PDB file of N, CA and C in Angstrom:
ATOM      1  N   UNK A   1      -6.696   0.363  14.300  1.00  0.00           N
ATOM      2  CA  UNK A   1      -5.873   0.738  13.182  1.00  0.00           C
ATOM      3  C   UNK A   1      -6.603   0.348  11.901  1.00  0.00           C
ATOM      4  N   UNK A   2      -6.433   1.144  10.859  1.00  0.00           N
ATOM      5  CA  UNK A   2      -7.070   0.939   9.569  1.00  0.00           C
ATOM      6  C   UNK A   2      -6.114   0.144   8.668  1.00  0.00           C
ATOM      7  N   UNK A   3      -6.567  -1.042   8.231  1.00  0.00           N
ATOM      8  CA  UNK A   3      -5.726  -1.935   7.433  1.00  0.00           C
ATOM      9  C   UNK A   3      -6.384  -2.194   6.075  1.00  0.00           C
ATOM     10  N   UNK A   4      -5.603  -2.001   5.017  1.00  0.00           N
ATOM     11  CA  UNK A   4      -6.041  -2.322   3.659  1.00  0.00           C
ATOM     12  C   UNK A   4      -5.291  -3.572   3.203  1.00  0.00           C
ATOM     13  N   UNK A   5      -6.047  -4.599   2.796  1.00  0.00           N
ATOM     14  CA  UNK A   5      -5.463  -5.846   2.304  1.00  0.00           C
ATOM     15  C   UNK A   5      -5.693  -5.896   0.797  1.00  0.00           C
ATOM     16  N   UNK A   6      -4.603  -5.914   0.037  1.00  0.00           N
ATOM     17  CA  UNK A   6      -4.689  -5.934  -1.425  1.00  0.00           C
ATOM     18  C   UNK A   6      -4.097  -7.252  -1.916  1.00  0.00           C
ATOM     19  N   UNK A   7      -4.965  -8.151  -2.351  1.00  0.00           N
ATOM     20  CA  UNK A   7      -4.522  -9.475  -2.807  1.00  0.00           C
ATOM     21  C   UNK A   7      -5.595 -10.040  -3.727  1.00  0.00           C
ATOM     22  N   UNK A   8      -5.191 -10.648  -4.831  1.00  0.00           N
ATOM     23  CA  UNK A   8      -6.161 -11.218  -5.761  1.00  0.00           C
ATOM     24  C   UNK A   8      -6.682 -12.585  -5.310  1.00  0.00           C
ATOM     25  N   UNK A   9      -6.131 -13.148  -4.268  1.00  0.00           N
ATOM     26  CA  UNK A   9      -6.614 -14.430  -3.737  1.00  0.00           C
ATOM     27  C   UNK A   9      -7.631 -14.172  -2.624  1.00  0.00           C
ATOM     28  N   UNK A  10      -8.884 -14.528  -2.899  1.00  0.00           N
ATOM     29  CA  UNK A  10      -9.960 -14.269  -1.940  1.00  0.00           C
ATOM     30  C   UNK A  10      -9.711 -14.940  -0.589  1.00  0.00           C
ATOM     31  N   UNK A  11      -9.199 -16.158  -0.597  1.00  0.00           N
ATOM     32  CA  UNK A  11      -8.956 -16.874   0.651  1.00  0.00           C
ATOM     33  C   UNK A  11      -7.926 -16.148   1.523  1.00  0.00           C
ATOM     34  N   UNK A  12      -6.888 -15.632   0.912  1.00  0.00           N
ATOM     35  CA  UNK A  12      -5.867 -14.884   1.657  1.00  0.00           C
ATOM     36  C   UNK A  12      -6.484 -13.617   2.248  1.00  0.00           C
ATOM     37  N   UNK A  13      -7.227 -12.872   1.419  1.00  0.00           N
ATOM     38  CA  UNK A  13      -7.859 -11.638   1.915  1.00  0.00           C
ATOM     39  C   UNK A  13      -8.792 -11.922   3.083  1.00  0.00           C
ATOM     40  N   UNK A  14      -9.661 -12.917   2.900  1.00  0.00           N
ATOM     41  CA  UNK A  14     -10.638 -13.220   3.961  1.00  0.00           C
ATOM     42  C   UNK A  14      -9.967 -13.689   5.243  1.00  0.00           C
ATOM     43  N   UNK A  15      -8.961 -14.523   5.099  1.00  0.00           N
ATOM     44  CA  UNK A  15      -8.263 -15.041   6.288  1.00  0.00           C
ATOM     45  C   UNK A  15      -7.596 -13.909   7.060  1.00  0.00           C
ATOM     46  N   UNK A  16      -6.873 -13.058   6.349  1.00  0.00           N
ATOM     47  CA  UNK A  16      -6.227 -11.917   7.010  1.00  0.00           C
ATOM     48  C   UNK A  16      -7.269 -10.971   7.596  1.00  0.00           C
ATOM     49  N   UNK A  17      -8.334 -10.708   6.848  1.00  0.00           N
ATOM     50  CA  UNK A  17      -9.370  -9.793   7.327  1.00  0.00           C
ATOM     51  C   UNK A  17      -9.998 -10.295   8.623  1.00  0.00           C
ATOM     52  N   UNK A  18     -10.332 -11.564   8.669  1.00  0.00           N
ATOM     53  CA  UNK A  18     -10.939 -12.134   9.886  1.00  0.00           C
ATOM     54  C   UNK A  18      -9.983 -12.069  11.072  1.00  0.00           C
ATOM     55  N   UNK A  19      -8.728 -12.406  10.827  1.00  0.00           N
ATOM     56  CA  UNK A  19      -7.750 -12.417  11.920  1.00  0.00           C
ATOM     57  C   UNK A  19      -7.555 -11.002  12.474  1.00  0.00           C
ATOM     58  N   UNK A  20      -7.383 -10.022  11.602  1.00  0.00           N
ATOM     59  CA  UNK A  20      -7.182  -8.646  12.075  1.00  0.00           C
ATOM     60  C   UNK A  20      -8.459  -8.070  12.687  1.00  0.00           C
ATOM     61  N   UNK A  21      -9.610  -8.383  12.109  1.00  0.00           N
ATOM     62  CA  UNK A  21     -10.879  -7.893  12.667  1.00  0.00           C
ATOM     63  C   UNK A  21     -11.103  -8.450  14.062  1.00  0.00           C
ATOM     64  N   UNK A  22     -10.691  -9.693  14.297  1.00  0.00           N
ATOM     65  CA  UNK A  22     -10.863 -10.291  15.623  1.00  0.00           C
ATOM     66  C   UNK A  22     -10.030  -9.575  16.677  1.00  0.00           C
ATOM     67  N   UNK A  23      -9.057  -8.791  16.223  1.00  0.00           N
ATOM     68  CA  UNK A  23      -8.218  -8.004  17.133  1.00  0.00           C
ATOM     69  C   UNK A  23      -8.659  -6.549  17.195  1.00  0.00           C
ATOM     70  N   UNK A  24      -9.795  -6.260  16.597  1.00  0.00           N
ATOM     71  CA  UNK A  24     -10.376  -4.927  16.710  1.00  0.00           C
ATOM     72  C   UNK A  24      -9.943  -3.914  15.656  1.00  0.00           C
ATOM     73  N   UNK A  25      -9.292  -4.371  14.590  1.00  0.00           N
ATOM     74  CA  UNK A  25      -8.841  -3.447  13.549  1.00  0.00           C
ATOM     75  C   UNK A  25      -9.942  -3.217  12.515  1.00  0.00           C
ATOM     76  N   UNK A  26      -9.892  -2.065  11.873  1.00  0.00           N
ATOM     77  CA  UNK A  26     -10.818  -1.690  10.807  1.00  0.00           C
ATOM     78  C   UNK A  26     -10.221  -2.210   9.494  1.00  0.00           C
ATOM     79  N   UNK A  27     -10.943  -3.093   8.802  1.00  0.00           N
ATOM     80  CA  UNK A  27     -10.385  -3.811   7.661  1.00  0.00           C
ATOM     81  C   UNK A  27     -11.068  -3.407   6.356  1.00  0.00           C
ATOM     82  N   UNK A  28     -10.249  -3.227   5.328  1.00  0.00           N
ATOM     83  CA  UNK A  28     -10.725  -2.967   3.972  1.00  0.00           C
ATOM     84  C   UNK A  28      -9.993  -3.917   3.041  1.00  0.00           C
ATOM     85  N   UNK A  29     -10.659  -4.290   1.946  1.00  0.00           N
ATOM     86  CA  UNK A  29     -10.057  -5.246   1.010  1.00  0.00           C
ATOM     87  C   UNK A  29     -10.115  -4.703  -0.409  1.00  0.00           C
ATOM     88  N   UNK A  30      -9.121  -5.095  -1.204  1.00  0.00           N
ATOM     89  CA  UNK A  30      -9.097  -4.797  -2.631  1.00  0.00           C
ATOM     90  C   UNK A  30      -8.663  -6.058  -3.366  1.00  0.00           C
ATOM     91  N   UNK A  31      -9.286  -6.311  -4.528  1.00  0.00           N
ATOM     92  CA  UNK A  31      -9.063  -7.566  -5.248  1.00  0.00           C
ATOM     93  C   UNK A  31      -7.899  -7.513  -6.234  1.00  0.00           C
ATOM     94  N   UNK A  32      -7.390  -6.317  -6.510  1.00  0.00           N
ATOM     95  CA  UNK A  32      -6.246  -6.201  -7.416  1.00  0.00           C
ATOM     96  C   UNK A  32      -5.571  -4.852  -7.200  1.00  0.00           C
ATOM     97  N   UNK A  33      -4.502  -4.613  -7.955  1.00  0.00           N
ATOM     98  CA  UNK A  33      -3.740  -3.389  -7.780  1.00  0.00           C
ATOM     99  C   UNK A  33      -4.495  -2.128  -8.159  1.00  0.00           C
ATOM    100  N   UNK A  34      -5.400  -2.225  -9.118  1.00  0.00           N
ATOM    101  CA  UNK A  34      -6.169  -1.047  -9.534  1.00  0.00           C
ATOM    102  C   UNK A  34      -7.140  -0.638  -8.429  1.00  0.00           C
ATOM    103  N   UNK A  35      -7.908  -1.595  -7.916  1.00  0.00           N
ATOM    104  CA  UNK A  35      -8.819  -1.304  -6.805  1.00  0.00           C
ATOM    105  C   UNK A  35      -8.019  -0.896  -5.564  1.00  0.00           C
ATOM    106  N   UNK A  36      -6.866  -1.535  -5.371  1.00  0.00           N
ATOM    107  CA  UNK A  36      -6.012  -1.187  -4.236  1.00  0.00           C
ATOM    108  C   UNK A  36      -5.570   0.258  -4.287  1.00  0.00           C
ATOM    109  N   UNK A  37      -5.230   0.745  -5.471  1.00  0.00           N
ATOM    110  CA  UNK A  37      -4.819   2.135  -5.643  1.00  0.00           C
ATOM    111  C   UNK A  37      -5.949   3.092  -5.260  1.00  0.00           C
ATOM    112  N   UNK A  38      -7.149   2.804  -5.739  1.00  0.00           N
ATOM    113  CA  UNK A  38      -8.308   3.647  -5.438  1.00  0.00           C
ATOM    114  C   UNK A  38      -8.585   3.682  -3.936  1.00  0.00           C
ATOM    115  N   UNK A  39      -8.599   2.505  -3.313  1.00  0.00           N
ATOM    116  CA  UNK A  39      -8.910   2.446  -1.879  1.00  0.00           C
ATOM    117  C   UNK A  39      -7.797   3.067  -1.040  1.00  0.00           C
ATOM    118  N   UNK A  40      -6.551   2.882  -1.443  1.00  0.00           N
ATOM    119  CA  UNK A  40      -5.431   3.486  -0.715  1.00  0.00           C
ATOM    120  C   UNK A  40      -5.589   4.997  -0.692  1.00  0.00           C
ATOM    121  N   UNK A  41      -5.939   5.582  -1.837  1.00  0.00           N
ATOM    122  CA  UNK A  41      -6.122   7.033  -1.929  1.00  0.00           C
ATOM    123  C   UNK A  41      -7.313   7.492  -1.089  1.00  0.00           C
ATOM    124  N   UNK A  42      -8.417   6.750  -1.129  1.00  0.00           N
ATOM    125  CA  UNK A  42      -9.638   7.118  -0.407  1.00  0.00           C
ATOM    126  C   UNK A  42      -9.502   6.971   1.102  1.00  0.00           C
ATOM    127  N   UNK A  43      -8.888   5.876   1.524  1.00  0.00           N
ATOM    128  CA  UNK A  43      -8.926   5.491   2.934  1.00  0.00           C
ATOM    129  C   UNK A  43      -7.761   6.005   3.768  1.00  0.00           C
ATOM    130  N   UNK A  44      -6.629   6.293   3.136  1.00  0.00           N
ATOM    131  CA  UNK A  44      -5.421   6.673   3.867  1.00  0.00           C
ATOM    132  C   UNK A  44      -5.168   5.703   5.034  1.00  0.00           C
ATOM    133  N   UNK A  45      -4.955   4.409   4.720  1.00  0.00           N
ATOM    134  CA  UNK A  45      -4.808   3.397   5.775  1.00  0.00           C
ATOM    135  C   UNK A  45      -3.506   3.549   6.566  1.00  0.00           C
ATOM    136  N   UNK A  46      -3.512   2.976   7.760  1.00  0.00           N
ATOM    137  CA  UNK A  46      -2.305   2.937   8.585  1.00  0.00           C
ATOM    138  C   UNK A  46      -1.363   1.844   8.100  1.00  0.00           C
ATOM    139  N   UNK A  47      -1.960   0.750   7.601  1.00  0.00           N
ATOM    140  CA  UNK A  47      -1.196  -0.418   7.151  1.00  0.00           C
ATOM    141  C   UNK A  47      -1.769  -0.887   5.819  1.00  0.00           C
ATOM    142  N   UNK A  48      -0.865  -1.267   4.910  1.00  0.00           N
ATOM    143  CA  UNK A  48      -1.286  -1.892   3.657  1.00  0.00           C
ATOM    144  C   UNK A  48      -0.550  -3.225   3.539  1.00  0.00           C
ATOM    145  N   UNK A  49      -1.319  -4.297   3.412  1.00  0.00           N
ATOM    146  CA  UNK A  49      -0.754  -5.617   3.167  1.00  0.00           C
ATOM    147  C   UNK A  49      -0.933  -5.849   1.672  1.00  0.00           C
ATOM    148  N   UNK A  50       0.184  -5.992   0.978  1.00  0.00           N
ATOM    149  CA  UNK A  50       0.196  -5.873  -0.474  1.00  0.00           C
ATOM    150  C   UNK A  50       0.827  -7.100  -1.127  1.00  0.00           C
ATOM    151  N   UNK A  51       0.022  -7.811  -1.916  1.00  0.00           N
ATOM    152  CA  UNK A  51       0.535  -8.950  -2.671  1.00  0.00           C
ATOM    153  C   UNK A  51       1.461  -8.442  -3.775  1.00  0.00           C
ATOM    154  N   UNK A  52       2.479  -9.205  -4.088  1.00  0.00           N
ATOM    155  CA  UNK A  52       3.449  -8.797  -5.111  1.00  0.00           C
ATOM    156  C   UNK A  52       2.871  -8.958  -6.510  1.00  0.00           C
ATOM    157  N   UNK A  53       2.347 -10.137  -6.827  1.00  0.00           N
ATOM    158  CA  UNK A  53       1.857 -10.412  -8.180  1.00  0.00           C
ATOM    159  C   UNK A  53       0.340 -10.396  -8.212  1.00  0.00           C
ATOM    160  N   UNK A  54      -0.207  -9.411  -8.954  1.00  0.00           N
ATOM    161  CA  UNK A  54      -1.661  -9.268  -9.097  1.00  0.00           C
ATOM    162  C   UNK A  54      -1.971  -8.758 -10.490  1.00  0.00           C
ATOM    163  N   UNK A  55      -3.195  -8.991 -10.950  1.00  0.00           N
ATOM    164  CA  UNK A  55      -3.585  -8.427 -12.240  1.00  0.00           C
ATOM    165  C   UNK A  55      -3.798  -6.913 -12.137  1.00  0.00           C
ATOM    166  N   UNK A  56      -3.716  -6.254 -13.265  1.00  0.00           N
ATOM    167  CA  UNK A  56      -3.950  -4.810 -13.304  1.00  0.00           C
ATOM    168  C   UNK A  56      -2.720  -4.013 -12.974  1.00  0.00           C
ATOM    169  N   UNK A  57      -2.321  -4.081 -11.744  1.00  0.00           N
ATOM    170  CA  UNK A  57      -1.132  -3.405 -11.230  1.00  0.00           C
ATOM    171  C   UNK A  57      -0.490  -4.330 -10.225  1.00  0.00           C
ATOM    172  N   UNK A  58       0.803  -4.528 -10.329  1.00  0.00           N
ATOM    173  CA  UNK A  58       1.488  -5.388  -9.361  1.00  0.00           C
ATOM    174  C   UNK A  58       1.675  -4.624  -8.047  1.00  0.00           C
ATOM    175  N   UNK A  59       1.998  -5.373  -6.997  1.00  0.00           N
ATOM    176  CA  UNK A  59       2.289  -4.743  -5.714  1.00  0.00           C
ATOM    177  C   UNK A  59       3.414  -3.722  -5.804  1.00  0.00           C
ATOM    178  N   UNK A  60       4.555  -4.057  -6.432  1.00  0.00           N
ATOM    179  CA  UNK A  60       5.633  -3.079  -6.558  1.00  0.00           C
ATOM    180  C   UNK A  60       5.222  -1.823  -7.339  1.00  0.00           C
ATOM    181  N   UNK A  61       4.406  -1.990  -8.391  1.00  0.00           N
ATOM    182  CA  UNK A  61       3.926  -0.819  -9.143  1.00  0.00           C
ATOM    183  C   UNK A  61       3.051   0.064  -8.263  1.00  0.00           C
ATOM    184  N   UNK A  62       2.163  -0.564  -7.526  1.00  0.00           N
ATOM    185  CA  UNK A  62       1.272   0.185  -6.636  1.00  0.00           C
ATOM    186  C   UNK A  62       2.070   0.882  -5.538  1.00  0.00           C
ATOM    187  N   UNK A  63       3.028   0.181  -4.970  1.00  0.00           N
ATOM    188  CA  UNK A  63       3.849   0.772  -3.916  1.00  0.00           C
ATOM    189  C   UNK A  63       4.624   1.980  -4.428  1.00  0.00           C
ATOM    190  N   UNK A  64       5.214   1.883  -5.611  1.00  0.00           N
ATOM    191  CA  UNK A  64       5.987   3.024  -6.132  1.00  0.00           C
ATOM    192  C   UNK A  64       5.081   4.202  -6.456  1.00  0.00           C
ATOM    193  N   UNK A  65       3.845   3.921  -6.836  1.00  0.00           N
ATOM    194  CA  UNK A  65       2.879   4.986  -7.109  1.00  0.00           C
ATOM    195  C   UNK A  65       2.453   5.704  -5.823  1.00  0.00           C
ATOM    196  N   UNK A  66       2.233   4.933  -4.754  1.00  0.00           N
ATOM    197  CA  UNK A  66       1.656   5.496  -3.530  1.00  0.00           C
ATOM    198  C   UNK A  66       2.692   5.970  -2.521  1.00  0.00           C
ATOM    199  N   UNK A  67       3.882   5.451  -2.546  1.00  0.00           N
ATOM    200  CA  UNK A  67       4.869   5.725  -1.505  1.00  0.00           C
ATOM    201  C   UNK A  67       5.165   7.214  -1.304  1.00  0.00           C
ATOM    202  N   UNK A  68       5.299   8.021  -2.363  1.00  0.00           N
ATOM    203  CA  UNK A  68       5.643   9.433  -2.106  1.00  0.00           C
ATOM    204  C   UNK A  68       4.624  10.186  -1.240  1.00  0.00           C
ATOM    205  N   UNK A  69       3.344   9.815  -1.343  1.00  0.00           N
ATOM    206  CA  UNK A  69       2.321  10.566  -0.614  1.00  0.00           C
ATOM    207  C   UNK A  69       1.752   9.826   0.588  1.00  0.00           C
ATOM    208  N   UNK A  70       2.162   8.590   0.827  1.00  0.00           N
ATOM    209  CA  UNK A  70       1.570   7.791   1.899  1.00  0.00           C
ATOM    210  C   UNK A  70       2.584   7.469   2.988  1.00  0.00           C
ATOM    211  N   UNK A  71       2.117   7.547   4.204  1.00  0.00           N
ATOM    212  CA  UNK A  71       2.957   7.181   5.358  1.00  0.00           C
ATOM    213  C   UNK A  71       2.594   5.801   5.900  1.00  0.00           C
ATOM    214  N   UNK A  72       1.756   5.064   5.165  1.00  0.00           N
ATOM    215  CA  UNK A  72       1.312   3.743   5.633  1.00  0.00           C
ATOM    216  C   UNK A  72       2.486   2.778   5.778  1.00  0.00           C
ATOM    217  N   UNK A  73       2.387   1.920   6.772  1.00  0.00           N
ATOM    218  CA  UNK A  73       3.313   0.805   6.902  1.00  0.00           C
ATOM    219  C   UNK A  73       2.890  -0.215   5.848  1.00  0.00           C
ATOM    220  N   UNK A  74       3.835  -0.672   5.023  1.00  0.00           N
ATOM    221  CA  UNK A  74       3.519  -1.600   3.935  1.00  0.00           C
ATOM    222  C   UNK A  74       4.223  -2.926   4.174  1.00  0.00           C
ATOM    223  N   UNK A  75       3.438  -3.995   4.089  1.00  0.00           N
ATOM    224  CA  UNK A  75       3.964  -5.341   4.212  1.00  0.00           C
ATOM    225  C   UNK A  75       3.693  -6.034   2.886  1.00  0.00           C
ATOM    226  N   UNK A  76       4.756  -6.453   2.213  1.00  0.00           N
ATOM    227  CA  UNK A  76       4.624  -7.186   0.958  1.00  0.00           C
ATOM    228  C   UNK A  76       4.460  -8.666   1.282  1.00  0.00           C
ATOM    229  N   UNK A  77       3.564  -9.337   0.542  1.00  0.00           N
ATOM    230  CA  UNK A  77       3.368 -10.769   0.701  1.00  0.00           C
ATOM    231  C   UNK A  77       3.436 -11.428  -0.673  1.00  0.00           C
ATOM    232  N   UNK A  78       3.958 -12.654  -0.725  1.00  0.00           N
ATOM    233  CA  UNK A  78       4.022 -13.357  -2.008  1.00  0.00           C
ATOM    234  C   UNK A  78       4.294 -14.834  -1.787  1.00  0.00           C
ATOM    235  N   UNK A  79       3.690 -15.638  -2.663  1.00  0.00           N
ATOM    236  CA  UNK A  79       3.985 -17.064  -2.677  1.00  0.00           C
ATOM    237  C   UNK A  79       5.254 -17.330  -3.477  1.00  0.00           C
ATOM    238  N   UNK A  80       5.675 -16.359  -4.267  1.00  0.00           N
ATOM    239  CA  UNK A  80       6.864 -16.495  -5.105  1.00  0.00           C
ATOM    240  C   UNK A  80       8.030 -15.831  -4.406  1.00  0.00           C
ATOM    241  N   UNK A  81       8.517 -16.467  -3.363  1.00  0.00           N
ATOM    242  CA  UNK A  81       9.524 -15.840  -2.511  1.00  0.00           C
ATOM    243  C   UNK A  81      10.944 -15.983  -3.039  1.00  0.00           C
ATOM    244  N   UNK A  82      11.128 -16.646  -4.172  1.00  0.00           N
ATOM    245  CA  UNK A  82      12.472 -16.773  -4.716  1.00  0.00           C
ATOM    246  C   UNK A  82      13.082 -15.431  -5.043  1.00  0.00           C
ATOM    247  N   UNK A  83      12.382 -14.666  -5.884  1.00  0.00           N
ATOM    248  CA  UNK A  83      12.908 -13.364  -6.279  1.00  0.00           C
ATOM    249  C   UNK A  83      12.458 -12.259  -5.329  1.00  0.00           C
ATOM    250  N   UNK A  84      11.403 -12.514  -4.580  1.00  0.00           N
ATOM    251  CA  UNK A  84      10.885 -11.517  -3.640  1.00  0.00           C
ATOM    252  C   UNK A  84      11.190 -11.974  -2.219  1.00  0.00           C
ATOM    253  N   UNK A  85      11.810 -11.084  -1.463  1.00  0.00           N
ATOM    254  CA  UNK A  85      12.182 -11.413  -0.093  1.00  0.00           C
ATOM    255  C   UNK A  85      12.258 -10.115   0.708  1.00  0.00           C
ATOM    256  N   UNK A  86      12.702 -10.210   1.938  1.00  0.00           N
ATOM    257  CA  UNK A  86      12.762  -9.033   2.796  1.00  0.00           C
ATOM    258  C   UNK A  86      13.633  -7.951   2.169  1.00  0.00           C
ATOM    259  N   UNK A  87      14.775  -8.329   1.618  1.00  0.00           N
ATOM    260  CA  UNK A  87      15.689  -7.341   1.037  1.00  0.00           C
ATOM    261  C   UNK A  87      15.037  -6.599  -0.130  1.00  0.00           C
ATOM    262  N   UNK A  88      14.384  -7.331  -1.036  1.00  0.00           N
ATOM    263  CA  UNK A  88      13.748  -6.672  -2.178  1.00  0.00           C
ATOM    264  C   UNK A  88      12.560  -5.829  -1.727  1.00  0.00           C
ATOM    265  N   UNK A  89      11.822  -6.288  -0.721  1.00  0.00           N
ATOM    266  CA  UNK A  89      10.690  -5.509  -0.205  1.00  0.00           C
ATOM    267  C   UNK A  89      11.162  -4.189   0.393  1.00  0.00           C
ATOM    268  N   UNK A  90      12.237  -4.234   1.171  1.00  0.00           N
ATOM    269  CA  UNK A  90      12.773  -3.013   1.769  1.00  0.00           C
ATOM    270  C   UNK A  90      13.258  -2.043   0.696  1.00  0.00           C
ATOM    271  N   UNK A  91      13.872  -2.564  -0.359  1.00  0.00           N
ATOM    272  CA  UNK A  91      14.336  -1.710  -1.456  1.00  0.00           C
ATOM    273  C   UNK A  91      13.171  -1.021  -2.164  1.00  0.00           C
ATOM    274  N   UNK A  92      12.021  -1.699  -2.203  1.00  0.00           N
ATOM    275  CA  UNK A  92      10.831  -1.126  -2.838  1.00  0.00           C
ATOM    276  C   UNK A  92      10.148  -0.087  -1.952  1.00  0.00           C
ATOM    277  N   UNK A  93      10.513  -0.034  -0.679  1.00  0.00           N
ATOM    278  CA  UNK A  93       9.894   0.924   0.229  1.00  0.00           C
ATOM    279  C   UNK A  93       8.937   0.316   1.237  1.00  0.00           C
ATOM    280  N   UNK A  94       8.858  -1.007   1.260  1.00  0.00           N
ATOM    281  CA  UNK A  94       8.016  -1.681   2.251  1.00  0.00           C
ATOM    282  C   UNK A  94       8.791  -1.817   3.558  1.00  0.00           C
ATOM    283  N   UNK A  95       8.075  -2.115   4.641  1.00  0.00           N
ATOM    284  CA  UNK A  95       8.707  -2.308   5.937  1.00  0.00           C
ATOM    285  C   UNK A  95       8.969  -3.776   6.240  1.00  0.00           C
ATOM    286  N   UNK A  96       8.299  -4.683   5.485  1.00  0.00           N
ATOM    287  CA  UNK A  96       8.485  -6.108   5.758  1.00  0.00           C
ATOM    288  C   UNK A  96       8.020  -6.931   4.565  1.00  0.00           C
ATOM    289  N   UNK A  97       8.453  -8.183   4.555  1.00  0.00           N
ATOM    290  CA  UNK A  97       8.015  -9.168   3.566  1.00  0.00           C
ATOM    291  C   UNK A  97       7.625 -10.432   4.309  1.00  0.00           C
ATOM    292  N   UNK A  98       6.450 -10.976   3.976  1.00  0.00           N
ATOM    293  CA  UNK A  98       5.995 -12.223   4.592  1.00  0.00           C
ATOM    294  C   UNK A  98       5.651 -13.198   3.463  1.00  0.00           C
ATOM    295  N   UNK A  99       6.330 -14.357   3.432  1.00  0.00           N
ATOM    296  CA  UNK A  99       6.027 -15.331   2.376  1.00  0.00           C
ATOM    297  C   UNK A  99       4.691 -16.039   2.623  1.00  0.00           C
ATOM    298  N   UNK A 100       4.001 -16.372   1.529  1.00  0.00           N
ATOM    299  CA  UNK A 100       2.784 -17.183   1.584  1.00  0.00           C
ATOM    300  C   UNK A 100       3.164 -18.596   1.156  1.00  0.00           C
ATOM    301  N   UNK A 101       2.466 -19.603   1.588  1.00  0.00           N
ATOM    302  CA  UNK A 101       1.321 -19.556   2.493  1.00  0.00           C
ATOM    303  C   UNK A 101       1.763 -19.294   3.930  1.00  0.00           C
ATOM    304  N   UNK A 102       0.851 -18.748   4.700  1.00  0.00           N
ATOM    305  CA  UNK A 102       1.147 -18.434   6.091  1.00  0.00           C
ATOM    306  C   UNK A 102       1.006 -19.694   6.934  1.00  0.00           C
ATOM    307  N   UNK A 103       1.994 -19.931   7.782  1.00  0.00           N
ATOM    308  CA  UNK A 103       1.913 -21.090   8.676  1.00  0.00           C
ATOM    309  C   UNK A 103       0.914 -20.826   9.800  1.00  0.00           C
ATOM    310  N   UNK A 104       0.902 -19.591  10.301  1.00  0.00           N
ATOM    311  CA  UNK A 104       0.021 -19.209  11.410  1.00  0.00           C
ATOM    312  C   UNK A 104      -0.448 -17.783  11.164  1.00  0.00           C
ATOM    313  N   UNK A 105      -1.702 -17.635  10.845  1.00  0.00           N
ATOM    314  CA  UNK A 105      -2.244 -16.318  10.483  1.00  0.00           C
ATOM    315  C   UNK A 105      -2.074 -15.307  11.621  1.00  0.00           C
ATOM    316  N   UNK A 106      -2.134 -15.776  12.868  1.00  0.00           N
ATOM    317  CA  UNK A 106      -1.993 -14.845  13.989  1.00  0.00           C
ATOM    318  C   UNK A 106      -0.549 -14.394  14.184  1.00  0.00           C
ATOM    319  N   UNK A 107       0.409 -15.184  13.722  1.00  0.00           N
ATOM    320  CA  UNK A 107       1.792 -14.707  13.757  1.00  0.00           C
ATOM    321  C   UNK A 107       1.986 -13.578  12.745  1.00  0.00           C
ATOM    322  N   UNK A 108       1.233 -13.623  11.647  1.00  0.00           N
ATOM    323  CA  UNK A 108       1.248 -12.513  10.686  1.00  0.00           C
ATOM    324  C   UNK A 108       0.701 -11.259  11.360  1.00  0.00           C
ATOM    325  N   UNK A 109      -0.398 -11.395  12.087  1.00  0.00           N
ATOM    326  CA  UNK A 109      -0.959 -10.259  12.828  1.00  0.00           C
ATOM    327  C   UNK A 109       0.048  -9.705  13.818  1.00  0.00           C
ATOM    328  N   UNK A 110       0.703 -10.586  14.544  1.00  0.00           N
ATOM    329  CA  UNK A 110       1.707 -10.140  15.518  1.00  0.00           C
ATOM    330  C   UNK A 110       2.821  -9.366  14.844  1.00  0.00           C
ATOM    331  N   UNK A 111       3.306  -9.872  13.716  1.00  0.00           N
ATOM    332  CA  UNK A 111       4.400  -9.198  13.006  1.00  0.00           C
ATOM    333  C   UNK A 111       3.975  -7.821  12.525  1.00  0.00           C
ATOM    334  N   UNK A 112       2.788  -7.729  11.948  1.00  0.00           N
ATOM    335  CA  UNK A 112       2.290  -6.444  11.466  1.00  0.00           C
ATOM    336  C   UNK A 112       2.116  -5.462  12.618  1.00  0.00           C
ATOM    337  N   UNK A 113       1.487  -5.910  13.685  1.00  0.00           N
ATOM    338  CA  UNK A 113       1.268  -5.024  14.839  1.00  0.00           C
ATOM    339  C   UNK A 113       2.581  -4.572  15.448  1.00  0.00           C
ATOM    340  N   UNK A 114       3.602  -5.420  15.442  1.00  0.00           N
ATOM    341  CA  UNK A 114       4.893  -5.044  16.025  1.00  0.00           C
ATOM    342  C   UNK A 114       5.564  -3.923  15.227  1.00  0.00           C
ATOM    343  N   UNK A 115       5.258  -3.815  13.948  1.00  0.00           N
ATOM    344  CA  UNK A 115       5.834  -2.747  13.116  1.00  0.00           C
ATOM    345  C   UNK A 115       5.264  -1.376  13.475  1.00  0.00           C
ATOM    346  N   UNK A 116       4.152  -1.354  14.185  1.00  0.00           N
ATOM    347  CA  UNK A 116       3.495  -0.098  14.524  1.00  0.00           C
ATOM    348  C   UNK A 116       3.818   0.400  15.919  1.00  0.00           C
ATOM    349  N   UNK A 117       4.581  -0.358  16.661  1.00  0.00           N
ATOM    350  CA  UNK A 117       4.921   0.045  18.045  1.00  0.00           C
ATOM    351  C   UNK A 117       6.006   1.091  18.049  1.00  0.00           C
TER     352      UNK A 117
END
């Protein structure tokens, strides 16, 4: 499966990329919402893991821009889970919300993969 990880935190991107790559997935990364928009259009990923707060374009802005033309499964992630949660993610058009920091990176992989079954 083709996965695009859009997050301005390099450690989060690398950790997710390594975990998903170890399971045989094709991984792409973007450092902010602007690069994420370009790669989303180019790659047509199966899954987009999208940080909520980023420079350039926020996750919600990017999601509202791409949702009409994309069938990708979108998982919103954020360390600021007070205002952002599963309910707000679903309202934005995402399929799930996962708060950061992750307790177990492989449980994140399991959750994402389960959305595709």
